[in-house]
Amino acid sequence: MIIPIRCWSCGKPIAHLWEEFKARQDKGESMKIVLDDLGLGRYCCRQQLMGHVDMVDTAAHFKKF
């Protein structure tokens, strides 16, 4: 639901890169170019951003007990 602060595998901080990644991807830039520009070379870090599904809006519809 929320992008992890650090990569699950290597521990590199990645959460601060999410906003720029999402903005540039929405503009139509290639994922490869954006990830290379952000300095994410390891496949484990790249997959954290590429595979993230933002479900905060969906989860917000449900009430807490």
PDB file of N, CA and C in Angstrom:
ATOM      1  N   MET A   1       0.813  -1.194   0.000  1.00  0.00           N
ATOM      2  CA  MET A   1       0.000   0.000   0.000  1.00  0.00           C
ATOM      3  C   MET A   1       0.857   1.258   0.000  1.00  0.00           C
ATOM      4  N   ILE A   2       1.839   1.308   0.834  1.00  0.00           N
ATOM      5  CA  ILE A   2       2.720   2.465   0.900  1.00  0.00           C
ATOM      6  C   ILE A   2       4.114   1.992   0.521  1.00  0.00           C
ATOM      7  N   ILE A   3       4.805   2.780  -0.277  1.00  0.00           N
ATOM      8  CA  ILE A   3       6.140   2.398  -0.726  1.00  0.00           C
ATOM      9  C   ILE A   3       7.040   2.202   0.496  1.00  0.00           C
ATOM     10  N   PRO A   4       7.795   1.115   0.536  1.00  0.00           N
ATOM     11  CA  PRO A   4       8.659   0.878   1.703  1.00  0.00           C
ATOM     12  C   PRO A   4       9.767   1.925   1.802  1.00  0.00           C
ATOM     13  N   ILE A   5      10.175   2.214   3.025  1.00  0.00           N
ATOM     14  CA  ILE A   5      11.240   3.199   3.247  1.00  0.00           C
ATOM     15  C   ILE A   5      12.547   2.711   2.629  1.00  0.00           C
ATOM     16  N   ARG A   6      12.849   1.447   2.863  1.00  0.00           N
ATOM     17  CA  ARG A   6      14.074   0.851   2.343  1.00  0.00           C
ATOM     18  C   ARG A   6      13.733  -0.360   1.483  1.00  0.00           C
ATOM     19  N   CYS A   7      14.654  -0.694   0.604  1.00  0.00           N
ATOM     20  CA  CYS A   7      14.510  -1.883  -0.222  1.00  0.00           C
ATOM     21  C   CYS A   7      14.520  -3.110   0.684  1.00  0.00           C
ATOM     22  N   TRP A   8      13.643  -4.074   0.383  1.00  0.00           N
ATOM     23  CA  TRP A   8      13.546  -5.270   1.215  1.00  0.00           C
ATOM     24  C   TRP A   8      14.837  -6.083   1.179  1.00  0.00           C
ATOM     25  N   SER A   9      15.524  -6.110   0.058  1.00  0.00           N
ATOM     26  CA  SER A   9      16.697  -6.971  -0.089  1.00  0.00           C
ATOM     27  C   SER A   9      17.996  -6.334   0.374  1.00  0.00           C
ATOM     28  N   CYS A  10      18.303  -5.151  -0.160  1.00  0.00           N
ATOM     29  CA  CYS A  10      19.622  -4.565   0.102  1.00  0.00           C
ATOM     30  C   CYS A  10      19.607  -3.477   1.165  1.00  0.00           C
ATOM     31  N   GLY A  11      18.447  -2.923   1.487  1.00  0.00           N
ATOM     32  CA  GLY A  11      18.363  -1.915   2.536  1.00  0.00           C
ATOM     33  C   GLY A  11      18.605  -0.485   2.086  1.00  0.00           C
ATOM     34  N   LYS A  12      18.723  -0.250   0.782  1.00  0.00           N
ATOM     35  CA  LYS A  12      18.935   1.103   0.278  1.00  0.00           C
ATOM     36  C   LYS A  12      17.655   1.928   0.441  1.00  0.00           C
ATOM     37  N   PRO A  13      17.752   3.175   0.930  1.00  0.00           N
ATOM     38  CA  PRO A  13      16.559   4.035   1.045  1.00  0.00           C
ATOM     39  C   PRO A  13      15.983   4.347  -0.339  1.00  0.00           C
ATOM     40  N   ILE A  14      14.676   4.094  -0.505  1.00  0.00           N
ATOM     41  CA  ILE A  14      14.056   4.313  -1.816  1.00  0.00           C
ATOM     42  C   ILE A  14      12.773   5.128  -1.743  1.00  0.00           C
ATOM     43  N   ALA A  15      12.210   5.316  -0.559  1.00  0.00           N
ATOM     44  CA  ALA A  15      10.903   5.968  -0.443  1.00  0.00           C
ATOM     45  C   ALA A  15      10.934   7.414  -0.943  1.00  0.00           C
ATOM     46  N   HIS A  16      12.041   8.102  -0.759  1.00  0.00           N
ATOM     47  CA  HIS A  16      12.120   9.503  -1.174  1.00  0.00           C
ATOM     48  C   HIS A  16      12.122   9.656  -2.701  1.00  0.00           C
ATOM     49  N   LEU A  17      12.325   8.568  -3.425  1.00  0.00           N
ATOM     50  CA  LEU A  17      12.357   8.613  -4.883  1.00  0.00           C
ATOM     51  C   LEU A  17      10.985   8.396  -5.521  1.00  0.00           C
ATOM     52  N   TRP A  18      10.003   7.977  -4.740  1.00  0.00           N
ATOM     53  CA  TRP A  18       8.700   7.597  -5.288  1.00  0.00           C
ATOM     54  C   TRP A  18       7.984   8.745  -5.993  1.00  0.00           C
ATOM     55  N   GLU A  19       7.946   9.910  -5.378  1.00  0.00           N
ATOM     56  CA  GLU A  19       7.201  11.040  -5.963  1.00  0.00           C
ATOM     57  C   GLU A  19       7.774  11.435  -7.325  1.00  0.00           C
ATOM     58  N   GLU A  20       9.095  11.528  -7.416  1.00  0.00           N
ATOM     59  CA  GLU A  20       9.710  11.901  -8.693  1.00  0.00           C
ATOM     60  C   GLU A  20       9.498  10.804  -9.732  1.00  0.00           C
ATOM     61  N   PHE A  21       9.624   9.558  -9.318  1.00  0.00           N
ATOM     62  CA  PHE A  21       9.399   8.433 -10.228  1.00  0.00           C
ATOM     63  C   PHE A  21       7.981   8.465 -10.785  1.00  0.00           C
ATOM     64  N   LYS A  22       7.009   8.629  -9.924  1.00  0.00           N
ATOM     65  CA  LYS A  22       5.603   8.639 -10.335  1.00  0.00           C
ATOM     66  C   LYS A  22       5.299   9.823 -11.260  1.00  0.00           C
ATOM     67  N   ALA A  23       5.826  10.995 -10.911  1.00  0.00           N
ATOM     68  CA  ALA A  23       5.578  12.187 -11.725  1.00  0.00           C
ATOM     69  C   ALA A  23       6.166  12.034 -13.130  1.00  0.00           C
ATOM     70  N   ARG A  24       7.383  11.547 -13.196  1.00  0.00           N
ATOM     71  CA  ARG A  24       8.033  11.396 -14.498  1.00  0.00           C
ATOM     72  C   ARG A  24       7.389  10.288 -15.318  1.00  0.00           C
ATOM     73  N   GLN A  25       6.939   9.239 -14.659  1.00  0.00           N
ATOM     74  CA  GLN A  25       6.271   8.153 -15.366  1.00  0.00           C
ATOM     75  C   GLN A  25       4.922   8.622 -15.911  1.00  0.00           C
ATOM     76  N   ASP A  26       4.212   9.433 -15.155  1.00  0.00           N
ATOM     77  CA  ASP A  26       2.926   9.967 -15.612  1.00  0.00           C
ATOM     78  C   ASP A  26       3.085  10.900 -16.806  1.00  0.00           C
ATOM     79  N   LYS A  27       4.244  11.536 -16.925  1.00  0.00           N
ATOM     80  CA  LYS A  27       4.510  12.411 -18.066  1.00  0.00           C
ATOM     81  C   LYS A  27       4.812  11.614 -19.334  1.00  0.00           C
ATOM     82  N   GLY A  28       5.050  10.294 -19.163  1.00  0.00           N
ATOM     83  CA  GLY A  28       5.270   9.451 -20.328  1.00  0.00           C
ATOM     84  C   GLY A  28       6.708   9.027 -20.544  1.00  0.00           C
ATOM     85  N   GLU A  29       7.586   9.316 -19.597  1.00  0.00           N
ATOM     86  CA  GLU A  29       8.979   8.897 -19.739  1.00  0.00           C
ATOM     87  C   GLU A  29       9.100   7.392 -19.558  1.00  0.00           C
ATOM     88  N   SER A  30      10.103   6.837 -20.158  1.00  0.00           N
ATOM     89  CA  SER A  30      10.359   5.406 -20.050  1.00  0.00           C
ATOM     90  C   SER A  30      10.794   5.061 -18.626  1.00  0.00           C
ATOM     91  N   MET A  31      10.297   3.926 -18.116  1.00  0.00           N
ATOM     92  CA  MET A  31      10.661   3.505 -16.762  1.00  0.00           C
ATOM     93  C   MET A  31      12.156   3.288 -16.625  1.00  0.00           C
ATOM     94  N   LYS A  32      12.767   2.721 -17.640  1.00  0.00           N
ATOM     95  CA  LYS A  32      14.205   2.447 -17.597  1.00  0.00           C
ATOM     96  C   LYS A  32      15.008   3.736 -17.444  1.00  0.00           C
ATOM     97  N   ILE A  33      14.652   4.738 -18.201  1.00  0.00           N
ATOM     98  CA  ILE A  33      15.379   6.006 -18.148  1.00  0.00           C
ATOM     99  C   ILE A  33      15.200   6.673 -16.787  1.00  0.00           C
ATOM    100  N   VAL A  34      13.985   6.667 -16.263  1.00  0.00           N
ATOM    101  CA  VAL A  34      13.710   7.288 -14.970  1.00  0.00           C
ATOM    102  C   VAL A  34      14.481   6.576 -13.864  1.00  0.00           C
ATOM    103  N   LEU A  35      14.441   5.254 -13.848  1.00  0.00           N
ATOM    104  CA  LEU A  35      15.137   4.498 -12.812  1.00  0.00           C
ATOM    105  C   LEU A  35      16.647   4.678 -12.908  1.00  0.00           C
ATOM    106  N   ASP A  36      17.175   4.749 -14.129  1.00  0.00           N
ATOM    107  CA  ASP A  36      18.610   4.999 -14.296  1.00  0.00           C
ATOM    108  C   ASP A  36      18.985   6.389 -13.784  1.00  0.00           C
ATOM    109  N   ASP A  37      18.160   7.398 -14.086  1.00  0.00           N
ATOM    110  CA  ASP A  37      18.426   8.768 -13.635  1.00  0.00           C
ATOM    111  C   ASP A  37      18.349   8.895 -12.118  1.00  0.00           C
ATOM    112  N   LEU A  38      17.480   8.103 -11.498  1.00  0.00           N
ATOM    113  CA  LEU A  38      17.343   8.151 -10.039  1.00  0.00           C
ATOM    114  C   LEU A  38      18.460   7.400  -9.330  1.00  0.00           C
ATOM    115  N   GLY A  39      19.282   6.687 -10.068  1.00  0.00           N
ATOM    116  CA  GLY A  39      20.421   5.991  -9.483  1.00  0.00           C
ATOM    117  C   GLY A  39      20.093   4.611  -8.943  1.00  0.00           C
ATOM    118  N   LEU A  40      19.021   4.019  -9.437  1.00  0.00           N
ATOM    119  CA  LEU A  40      18.651   2.675  -8.998  1.00  0.00           C
ATOM    120  C   LEU A  40      19.186   1.663  -9.999  1.00  0.00           C
ATOM    121  N   GLY A  41      20.301   1.054  -9.659  1.00  0.00           N
ATOM    122  CA  GLY A  41      20.924   0.089 -10.550  1.00  0.00           C
ATOM    123  C   GLY A  41      20.604  -1.338 -10.203  1.00  0.00           C
ATOM    124  N   ARG A  42      20.332  -1.608  -8.950  1.00  0.00           N
ATOM    125  CA  ARG A  42      20.049  -2.975  -8.523  1.00  0.00           C
ATOM    126  C   ARG A  42      18.620  -3.357  -8.882  1.00  0.00           C
ATOM    127  N   TYR A  43      18.463  -4.592  -9.303  1.00  0.00           N
ATOM    128  CA  TYR A  43      17.134  -5.053  -9.710  1.00  0.00           C
ATOM    129  C   TYR A  43      16.163  -5.101  -8.541  1.00  0.00           C
ATOM    130  N   CYS A  44      16.674  -5.325  -7.316  1.00  0.00           N
ATOM    131  CA  CYS A  44      15.780  -5.408  -6.167  1.00  0.00           C
ATOM    132  C   CYS A  44      15.136  -4.043  -5.875  1.00  0.00           C
ATOM    133  N   CYS A  45      15.901  -2.979  -6.003  1.00  0.00           N
ATOM    134  CA  CYS A  45      15.369  -1.625  -5.776  1.00  0.00           C
ATOM    135  C   CYS A  45      14.428  -1.215  -6.906  1.00  0.00           C
ATOM    136  N   ARG A  46      14.792  -1.570  -8.124  1.00  0.00           N
ATOM    137  CA  ARG A  46      13.977  -1.217  -9.279  1.00  0.00           C
ATOM    138  C   ARG A  46      12.601  -1.864  -9.199  1.00  0.00           C
ATOM    139  N   GLN A  47      12.563  -3.138  -8.780  1.00  0.00           N
ATOM    140  CA  GLN A  47      11.281  -3.831  -8.733  1.00  0.00           C
ATOM    141  C   GLN A  47      10.375  -3.290  -7.644  1.00  0.00           C
ATOM    142  N   GLN A  48      10.948  -2.699  -6.596  1.00  0.00           N
ATOM    143  CA  GLN A  48      10.111  -2.109  -5.547  1.00  0.00           C
ATOM    144  C   GLN A  48       9.281  -0.955  -6.108  1.00  0.00           C
ATOM    145  N   LEU A  49       9.886  -0.145  -6.955  1.00  0.00           N
ATOM    146  CA  LEU A  49       9.156   0.987  -7.539  1.00  0.00           C
ATOM    147  C   LEU A  49       8.277   0.549  -8.712  1.00  0.00           C
ATOM    148  N   MET A  50       8.775  -0.373  -9.525  1.00  0.00           N
ATOM    149  CA  MET A  50       8.014  -0.806 -10.694  1.00  0.00           C
ATOM    150  C   MET A  50       6.779  -1.609 -10.309  1.00  0.00           C
ATOM    151  N   GLY A  51       6.863  -2.382  -9.255  1.00  0.00           N
ATOM    152  CA  GLY A  51       5.765  -3.249  -8.878  1.00  0.00           C
ATOM    153  C   GLY A  51       4.821  -2.668  -7.853  1.00  0.00           C
ATOM    154  N   HIS A  52       5.052  -1.437  -7.439  1.00  0.00           N
ATOM    155  CA  HIS A  52       4.219  -0.826  -6.405  1.00  0.00           C
ATOM    156  C   HIS A  52       2.836  -0.475  -6.942  1.00  0.00           C
ATOM    157  N   VAL A  53       1.801  -0.847  -6.191  1.00  0.00           N
ATOM    158  CA  VAL A  53       0.420  -0.509  -6.540  1.00  0.00           C
ATOM    159  C   VAL A  53      -0.109   0.389  -5.427  1.00  0.00           C
ATOM    160  N   ASP A  54      -0.484   1.602  -5.776  1.00  0.00           N
ATOM    161  CA  ASP A  54      -0.938   2.567  -4.794  1.00  0.00           C
ATOM    162  C   ASP A  54      -2.408   2.314  -4.462  1.00  0.00           C
ATOM    163  N   MET A  55      -2.664   1.776  -3.275  1.00  0.00           N
ATOM    164  CA  MET A  55      -4.017   1.418  -2.872  1.00  0.00           C
ATOM    165  C   MET A  55      -4.509   2.208  -1.664  1.00  0.00           C
ATOM    166  N   VAL A  56      -3.876   3.303  -1.344  1.00  0.00           N
ATOM    167  CA  VAL A  56      -4.262   4.092  -0.181  1.00  0.00           C
ATOM    168  C   VAL A  56      -5.679   4.628  -0.334  1.00  0.00           C
ATOM    169  N   ASP A  57      -6.027   5.092  -1.515  1.00  0.00           N
ATOM    170  CA  ASP A  57      -7.376   5.612  -1.744  1.00  0.00           C
ATOM    171  C   ASP A  57      -8.433   4.511  -1.597  1.00  0.00           C
ATOM    172  N   THR A  58      -8.120   3.323  -2.046  1.00  0.00           N
ATOM    173  CA  THR A  58      -9.060   2.202  -1.933  1.00  0.00           C
ATOM    174  C   THR A  58      -9.249   1.804  -0.465  1.00  0.00           C
ATOM    175  N   ALA A  59      -8.168   1.731   0.269  1.00  0.00           N
ATOM    176  CA  ALA A  59      -8.234   1.329   1.678  1.00  0.00           C
ATOM    177  C   ALA A  59      -8.912   2.401   2.541  1.00  0.00           C
ATOM    178  N   ALA A  60      -8.873   3.635   2.095  1.00  0.00           N
ATOM    179  CA  ALA A  60      -9.467   4.722   2.873  1.00  0.00           C
ATOM    180  C   ALA A  60     -10.992   4.649   2.916  1.00  0.00           C
ATOM    181  N   HIS A  61     -11.601   3.911   2.025  1.00  0.00           N
ATOM    182  CA  HIS A  61     -13.064   3.784   2.007  1.00  0.00           C
ATOM    183  C   HIS A  61     -13.589   2.925   3.152  1.00  0.00           C
ATOM    184  N   PHE A  62     -12.738   2.088   3.724  1.00  0.00           N
ATOM    185  CA  PHE A  62     -13.166   1.174   4.785  1.00  0.00           C
ATOM    186  C   PHE A  62     -12.994   1.823   6.153  1.00  0.00           C
ATOM    187  N   LYS A  63     -13.923   1.537   7.039  1.00  0.00           N
ATOM    188  CA  LYS A  63     -13.886   2.105   8.380  1.00  0.00           C
ATOM    189  C   LYS A  63     -13.048   1.232   9.306  1.00  0.00           C
ATOM    190  N   LYS A  64     -12.446   1.860  10.287  1.00  0.00           N
ATOM    191  CA  LYS A  64     -11.770   1.125  11.344  1.00  0.00           C
ATOM    192  C   LYS A  64     -12.803   0.755  12.391  1.00  0.00           C
ATOM    193  N   PHE A  65     -12.542  -0.292  13.129  1.00  0.00           N
ATOM    194  CA  PHE A  65     -13.449  -0.699  14.205  1.00  0.00           C
ATOM    195  C   PHE A  65     -13.115   0.016  15.454  1.00  0.00           C
TER     196      PHE A  65
END
